[in-house]
Amino acid sequence: QVQLVESGGGSVEVGGSLRLSCVVSGRYFRINMMGWYRQSPGKQREMVATIITGDLTEYIDSVEGRFTVSRDDDKGAVYLQMDRLKPEDTGVYYCAVNVSPEMGVTPEDWGQGTQVTVDS
């Protein structure tokens, strides 16, 4: 069992920046995948950015070049630097990880979510 705690959400004007943090605690051997997902009003939850062992990253097209995902394995943390924010980035952002012994890369454990609001 692992626990994920996100922080760093808030309200920002268009073009502004926010940095989300997520710290993983509990028992695990290795964090295979760490990522950020979001659910915008009226939409399904979608992957925003993921980073797997070896620092291989993936981004949804709409945030490519504006968001940067990074991880600190010593701290059990994953970060999402969000720059040049747009109103369509508004939503609840969830941290997710996969710590399975099989080294899977699909999200299995989730944080409680943090609200990001971009004001136009």
N, C-alpha and C. Protein backbone atom coordinates (compact mmCIF):
# COMPACT_ATOMS: atom_id res chain seq x y z
N GLN A 1 0.83 -1.20 0.00
CA GLN A 1 0.00 0.00 0.00
C GLN A 1 0.87 1.24 0.00
N VAL A 2 0.55 2.15 -0.90
CA VAL A 2 1.25 3.42 -0.95
C VAL A 2 0.23 4.54 -0.83
N GLN A 3 0.70 5.67 -0.37
CA GLN A 3 -0.12 6.87 -0.28
C GLN A 3 0.54 7.96 -1.09
N LEU A 4 -0.28 8.74 -1.75
CA LEU A 4 0.20 9.83 -2.59
C LEU A 4 -0.44 11.13 -2.11
N VAL A 5 0.38 12.13 -1.92
CA VAL A 5 -0.12 13.43 -1.49
C VAL A 5 0.36 14.49 -2.46
N GLU A 6 -0.60 15.16 -3.10
CA GLU A 6 -0.27 16.22 -4.06
C GLU A 6 -0.32 17.58 -3.37
N SER A 7 0.40 18.51 -3.96
CA SER A 7 0.36 19.89 -3.51
C SER A 7 0.75 20.79 -4.68
N GLY A 8 0.46 22.08 -4.54
CA GLY A 8 0.89 23.04 -5.53
C GLY A 8 -0.19 23.58 -6.44
N GLY A 9 -1.40 23.08 -6.32
CA GLY A 9 -2.48 23.61 -7.15
C GLY A 9 -2.88 25.01 -6.73
N GLY A 10 -3.76 25.61 -7.52
CA GLY A 10 -4.22 26.95 -7.18
C GLY A 10 -4.80 27.64 -8.40
N SER A 11 -4.98 28.94 -8.28
CA SER A 11 -5.50 29.75 -9.37
C SER A 11 -4.41 30.62 -9.93
N VAL A 12 -4.41 30.76 -11.25
CA VAL A 12 -3.39 31.56 -11.92
C VAL A 12 -4.00 32.17 -13.17
N GLU A 13 -3.44 33.28 -13.60
CA GLU A 13 -3.93 33.91 -14.81
C GLU A 13 -3.35 33.22 -16.04
N VAL A 14 -4.01 33.44 -17.15
CA VAL A 14 -3.52 32.89 -18.42
C VAL A 14 -2.06 33.31 -18.64
N GLY A 15 -1.25 32.34 -19.04
CA GLY A 15 0.17 32.60 -19.27
C GLY A 15 1.04 32.41 -18.05
N GLY A 16 0.41 32.18 -16.92
CA GLY A 16 1.17 31.99 -15.68
C GLY A 16 1.71 30.58 -15.54
N SER A 17 2.32 30.34 -14.39
CA SER A 17 2.95 29.04 -14.12
C SER A 17 2.53 28.50 -12.76
N LEU A 18 2.54 27.19 -12.67
CA LEU A 18 2.35 26.49 -11.41
C LEU A 18 3.26 25.27 -11.41
N ARG A 19 3.61 24.83 -10.22
CA ARG A 19 4.41 23.62 -10.07
C ARG A 19 3.70 22.69 -9.10
N LEU A 20 3.33 21.53 -9.61
CA LEU A 20 2.68 20.52 -8.78
C LEU A 20 3.72 19.55 -8.25
N SER A 21 3.49 19.10 -7.02
CA SER A 21 4.37 18.11 -6.40
C SER A 21 3.53 16.96 -5.88
N CYS A 22 4.12 15.79 -5.87
CA CYS A 22 3.45 14.60 -5.34
C CYS A 22 4.50 13.75 -4.64
N VAL A 23 4.22 13.41 -3.40
CA VAL A 23 5.15 12.59 -2.63
C VAL A 23 4.48 11.25 -2.33
N VAL A 24 5.22 10.20 -2.60
CA VAL A 24 4.74 8.83 -2.39
C VAL A 24 5.31 8.29 -1.09
N SER A 25 4.46 7.71 -0.27
CA SER A 25 4.92 7.08 0.97
C SER A 25 4.31 5.69 1.08
N GLY A 26 4.85 4.90 2.01
CA GLY A 26 4.37 3.54 2.19
C GLY A 26 5.41 2.54 1.76
N ARG A 27 4.98 1.32 1.58
CA ARG A 27 5.91 0.24 1.26
C ARG A 27 5.92 -0.03 -0.24
N TYR A 28 7.09 0.06 -0.83
CA TYR A 28 7.26 -0.29 -2.23
C TYR A 28 8.72 -0.55 -2.48
N PHE A 29 8.99 -1.34 -3.50
CA PHE A 29 10.38 -1.61 -3.86
C PHE A 29 10.89 -0.61 -4.88
N ARG A 30 10.04 -0.34 -5.86
CA ARG A 30 10.45 0.56 -6.93
C ARG A 30 9.22 1.22 -7.51
N ILE A 31 9.33 2.49 -7.83
CA ILE A 31 8.24 3.18 -8.52
C ILE A 31 8.54 3.12 -10.01
N ASN A 32 7.75 2.34 -10.73
CA ASN A 32 8.00 2.14 -12.15
C ASN A 32 7.56 3.35 -12.96
N MET A 33 6.33 3.75 -12.75
CA MET A 33 5.74 4.85 -13.51
C MET A 33 5.23 5.88 -12.51
N MET A 34 5.47 7.13 -12.81
CA MET A 34 4.89 8.24 -12.07
C MET A 34 4.27 9.17 -13.09
N GLY A 35 3.10 9.69 -12.78
CA GLY A 35 2.46 10.51 -13.78
C GLY A 35 1.41 11.44 -13.22
N TRP A 36 0.96 12.30 -14.11
CA TRP A 36 -0.09 13.26 -13.78
C TRP A 36 -1.24 13.10 -14.77
N TYR A 37 -2.42 13.08 -14.21
CA TYR A 37 -3.65 12.99 -14.99
C TYR A 37 -4.55 14.14 -14.56
N ARG A 38 -5.47 14.51 -15.42
CA ARG A 38 -6.37 15.58 -15.03
C ARG A 38 -7.79 15.28 -15.51
N GLN A 39 -8.72 15.84 -14.78
CA GLN A 39 -10.12 15.76 -15.18
C GLN A 39 -10.66 17.18 -15.23
N SER A 40 -10.96 17.60 -16.44
CA SER A 40 -11.51 18.94 -16.66
C SER A 40 -13.02 18.86 -16.62
N PRO A 41 -13.68 19.98 -16.35
CA PRO A 41 -15.14 19.98 -16.26
C PRO A 41 -15.79 19.40 -17.50
N GLY A 42 -16.66 18.42 -17.32
CA GLY A 42 -17.38 17.83 -18.43
C GLY A 42 -16.59 16.85 -19.27
N LYS A 43 -15.39 16.53 -18.85
CA LYS A 43 -14.54 15.63 -19.63
C LYS A 43 -14.10 14.45 -18.79
N GLN A 44 -13.66 13.42 -19.49
CA GLN A 44 -13.11 12.26 -18.80
C GLN A 44 -11.68 12.54 -18.36
N ARG A 45 -11.25 11.77 -17.36
CA ARG A 45 -9.87 11.91 -16.91
C ARG A 45 -8.91 11.53 -18.04
N GLU A 46 -7.86 12.32 -18.21
CA GLU A 46 -6.90 12.06 -19.28
C GLU A 46 -5.48 12.14 -18.74
N MET A 47 -4.61 11.42 -19.41
CA MET A 47 -3.19 11.48 -19.07
C MET A 47 -2.63 12.82 -19.50
N VAL A 48 -1.86 13.46 -18.64
CA VAL A 48 -1.19 14.71 -18.98
C VAL A 48 0.28 14.46 -19.26
N ALA A 49 0.94 13.77 -18.34
CA ALA A 49 2.38 13.51 -18.49
C ALA A 49 2.76 12.33 -17.61
N THR A 50 3.63 11.49 -18.14
CA THR A 50 4.14 10.37 -17.36
C THR A 50 5.65 10.29 -17.50
N ILE A 51 6.27 9.70 -16.51
CA ILE A 51 7.71 9.47 -16.54
C ILE A 51 7.96 8.11 -15.93
N ILE A 52 8.67 7.26 -16.67
CA ILE A 52 8.95 5.92 -16.18
C ILE A 52 10.43 5.76 -15.89
N THR A 53 10.76 4.64 -15.29
CA THR A 53 12.15 4.37 -14.92
C THR A 53 13.05 4.60 -16.12
N GLY A 54 14.11 5.35 -15.89
CA GLY A 54 15.00 5.70 -16.99
C GLY A 54 14.69 7.07 -17.54
N ASP A 55 13.73 7.75 -16.93
CA ASP A 55 13.38 9.12 -17.30
C ASP A 55 12.79 9.24 -18.70
N LEU A 56 12.09 8.21 -19.12
CA LEU A 56 11.37 8.28 -20.39
C LEU A 56 10.05 8.98 -20.14
N THR A 57 9.80 10.08 -20.85
CA THR A 57 8.61 10.88 -20.61
C THR A 57 7.63 10.82 -21.77
N GLU A 58 6.37 11.08 -21.45
CA GLU A 58 5.33 11.15 -22.46
C GLU A 58 4.36 12.25 -22.06
N TYR A 59 3.90 13.01 -23.04
CA TYR A 59 2.99 14.11 -22.78
C TYR A 59 1.79 14.05 -23.72
N ILE A 60 0.67 14.54 -23.23
CA ILE A 60 -0.45 14.74 -24.14
C ILE A 60 -0.07 15.90 -25.07
N ASP A 61 -0.54 15.85 -26.31
CA ASP A 61 -0.12 16.84 -27.30
C ASP A 61 -0.37 18.27 -26.85
N SER A 62 -1.46 18.51 -26.17
CA SER A 62 -1.84 19.88 -25.84
C SER A 62 -0.92 20.56 -24.82
N VAL A 63 -0.08 19.79 -24.14
CA VAL A 63 0.82 20.39 -23.15
C VAL A 63 2.28 20.29 -23.57
N GLU A 64 2.53 19.61 -24.67
CA GLU A 64 3.91 19.44 -25.15
C GLU A 64 4.59 20.80 -25.31
N GLY A 65 5.77 20.95 -24.72
CA GLY A 65 6.50 22.21 -24.81
C GLY A 65 6.14 23.22 -23.74
N ARG A 66 5.06 22.97 -23.00
CA ARG A 66 4.66 23.90 -21.93
C ARG A 66 4.81 23.26 -20.55
N PHE A 67 4.61 21.97 -20.46
CA PHE A 67 4.70 21.26 -19.18
C PHE A 67 5.96 20.39 -19.18
N THR A 68 6.52 20.23 -17.98
CA THR A 68 7.68 19.35 -17.81
C THR A 68 7.47 18.48 -16.58
N VAL A 69 7.54 17.18 -16.80
CA VAL A 69 7.42 16.23 -15.69
C VAL A 69 8.82 15.77 -15.29
N SER A 70 9.03 15.62 -13.99
CA SER A 70 10.32 15.15 -13.49
C SER A 70 10.08 14.34 -12.22
N ARG A 71 11.08 13.58 -11.84
CA ARG A 71 10.95 12.75 -10.66
C ARG A 71 12.24 12.77 -9.84
N ASP A 72 12.08 12.57 -8.56
CA ASP A 72 13.22 12.45 -7.65
C ASP A 72 13.01 11.15 -6.87
N ASP A 73 13.68 10.11 -7.28
CA ASP A 73 13.46 8.80 -6.68
C ASP A 73 13.95 8.74 -5.23
N ASP A 74 14.92 9.53 -4.89
CA ASP A 74 15.38 9.55 -3.50
C ASP A 74 14.30 10.06 -2.56
N LYS A 75 13.48 10.97 -3.06
CA LYS A 75 12.40 11.55 -2.26
C LYS A 75 11.06 10.87 -2.52
N GLY A 76 11.02 9.98 -3.50
CA GLY A 76 9.74 9.38 -3.86
C GLY A 76 8.77 10.43 -4.36
N ALA A 77 9.26 11.34 -5.18
CA ALA A 77 8.44 12.47 -5.59
C ALA A 77 8.40 12.61 -7.11
N VAL A 78 7.31 13.16 -7.57
CA VAL A 78 7.16 13.51 -8.98
C VAL A 78 6.62 14.93 -9.04
N TYR A 79 7.08 15.67 -10.05
CA TYR A 79 6.73 17.07 -10.17
C TYR A 79 6.16 17.34 -11.56
N LEU A 80 5.35 18.39 -11.65
CA LEU A 80 4.85 18.84 -12.94
C LEU A 80 4.98 20.35 -12.98
N GLN A 81 5.93 20.83 -13.76
CA GLN A 81 6.10 22.25 -13.97
C GLN A 81 5.20 22.65 -15.13
N MET A 82 4.29 23.55 -14.87
CA MET A 82 3.31 23.96 -15.88
C MET A 82 3.53 25.44 -16.20
N ASP A 83 3.92 25.71 -17.43
CA ASP A 83 4.17 27.08 -17.88
C ASP A 83 3.20 27.45 -18.99
N ARG A 84 3.06 28.75 -19.21
CA ARG A 84 2.17 29.28 -20.26
C ARG A 84 0.80 28.62 -20.17
N LEU A 85 0.26 28.65 -18.99
CA LEU A 85 -1.02 27.98 -18.75
C LEU A 85 -2.15 28.62 -19.54
N LYS A 86 -3.08 27.77 -19.95
CA LYS A 86 -4.24 28.18 -20.74
C LYS A 86 -5.53 27.82 -19.97
N PRO A 87 -6.63 28.47 -20.30
CA PRO A 87 -7.89 28.14 -19.61
C PRO A 87 -8.25 26.66 -19.73
N GLU A 88 -7.92 26.04 -20.85
CA GLU A 88 -8.25 24.63 -21.04
C GLU A 88 -7.40 23.70 -20.18
N ASP A 89 -6.43 24.24 -19.48
CA ASP A 89 -5.65 23.43 -18.53
C ASP A 89 -6.36 23.31 -17.18
N THR A 90 -7.44 24.03 -17.02
CA THR A 90 -8.19 23.97 -15.77
C THR A 90 -8.72 22.57 -15.51
N GLY A 91 -8.61 22.14 -14.27
CA GLY A 91 -9.13 20.83 -13.90
C GLY A 91 -8.54 20.36 -12.59
N VAL A 92 -8.94 19.17 -12.20
CA VAL A 92 -8.35 18.53 -11.03
C VAL A 92 -7.22 17.63 -11.51
N TYR A 93 -6.05 17.85 -10.98
CA TYR A 93 -4.87 17.10 -11.37
C TYR A 93 -4.57 16.02 -10.33
N TYR A 94 -4.41 14.81 -10.84
CA TYR A 94 -4.16 13.66 -9.99
C TYR A 94 -2.77 13.09 -10.25
N CYS A 95 -2.09 12.78 -9.19
CA CYS A 95 -0.84 12.06 -9.28
C CYS A 95 -1.14 10.56 -9.28
N ALA A 96 -0.39 9.80 -10.05
CA ALA A 96 -0.61 8.35 -10.10
C ALA A 96 0.74 7.65 -10.25
N VAL A 97 0.82 6.45 -9.70
CA VAL A 97 2.06 5.67 -9.79
C VAL A 97 1.74 4.20 -10.03
N ASN A 98 2.75 3.50 -10.44
CA ASN A 98 2.71 2.05 -10.53
C ASN A 98 3.94 1.51 -9.81
N VAL A 99 3.71 0.76 -8.75
CA VAL A 99 4.81 0.19 -7.97
C VAL A 99 4.78 -1.32 -8.01
N SER A 100 4.12 -1.90 -9.00
CA SER A 100 3.95 -3.34 -9.04
C SER A 100 5.29 -4.04 -9.26
N PRO A 101 5.45 -5.24 -8.67
CA PRO A 101 6.68 -6.02 -8.87
C PRO A 101 6.88 -6.38 -10.33
N GLU A 102 5.78 -6.42 -11.10
CA GLU A 102 5.87 -6.76 -12.51
C GLU A 102 6.36 -5.59 -13.36
N MET A 103 6.62 -4.45 -12.70
CA MET A 103 7.13 -3.25 -13.38
C MET A 103 6.16 -2.76 -14.45
N GLY A 104 4.90 -2.74 -14.11
CA GLY A 104 3.92 -2.21 -15.04
C GLY A 104 4.02 -0.71 -15.16
N VAL A 105 3.39 -0.17 -16.19
CA VAL A 105 3.44 1.28 -16.41
C VAL A 105 2.05 1.90 -16.43
N THR A 106 1.04 1.14 -16.11
CA THR A 106 -0.30 1.73 -16.03
C THR A 106 -0.54 2.20 -14.60
N PRO A 107 -1.28 3.28 -14.42
CA PRO A 107 -1.50 3.82 -13.08
C PRO A 107 -2.32 2.88 -12.22
N GLU A 108 -1.87 2.66 -11.00
CA GLU A 108 -2.59 1.78 -10.09
C GLU A 108 -2.93 2.44 -8.76
N ASP A 109 -2.16 3.39 -8.35
CA ASP A 109 -2.42 4.10 -7.10
C ASP A 109 -2.54 5.59 -7.41
N TRP A 110 -3.51 6.23 -6.75
CA TRP A 110 -3.85 7.61 -7.08
C TRP A 110 -3.83 8.51 -5.85
N GLY A 111 -3.52 9.78 -6.09
CA GLY A 111 -3.65 10.78 -5.06
C GLY A 111 -5.07 11.31 -5.02
N GLN A 112 -5.29 12.26 -4.12
CA GLN A 112 -6.64 12.78 -3.92
C GLN A 112 -7.00 13.88 -4.91
N GLY A 113 -6.01 14.40 -5.60
CA GLY A 113 -6.25 15.44 -6.59
C GLY A 113 -6.02 16.84 -6.04
N THR A 114 -5.60 17.72 -6.92
CA THR A 114 -5.41 19.12 -6.56
C THR A 114 -5.97 19.99 -7.68
N GLN A 115 -6.71 21.01 -7.32
CA GLN A 115 -7.39 21.84 -8.30
C GLN A 115 -6.44 22.87 -8.92
N VAL A 116 -6.50 22.95 -10.24
CA VAL A 116 -5.79 23.99 -10.98
C VAL A 116 -6.82 24.78 -11.75
N THR A 117 -6.82 26.08 -11.56
CA THR A 117 -7.76 26.96 -12.25
C THR A 117 -6.99 28.04 -12.96
N VAL A 118 -7.22 28.15 -14.27
CA VAL A 118 -6.56 29.17 -15.08
C VAL A 118 -7.62 30.17 -15.49
N ASP A 119 -7.48 31.38 -15.00
CA ASP A 119 -8.47 32.43 -15.24
C ASP A 119 -8.17 33.18 -16.52
N SER A 120 -9.18 33.29 -17.36
CA SER A 120 -9.00 34.03 -18.63
C SER A 120 -9.29 35.51 -18.44
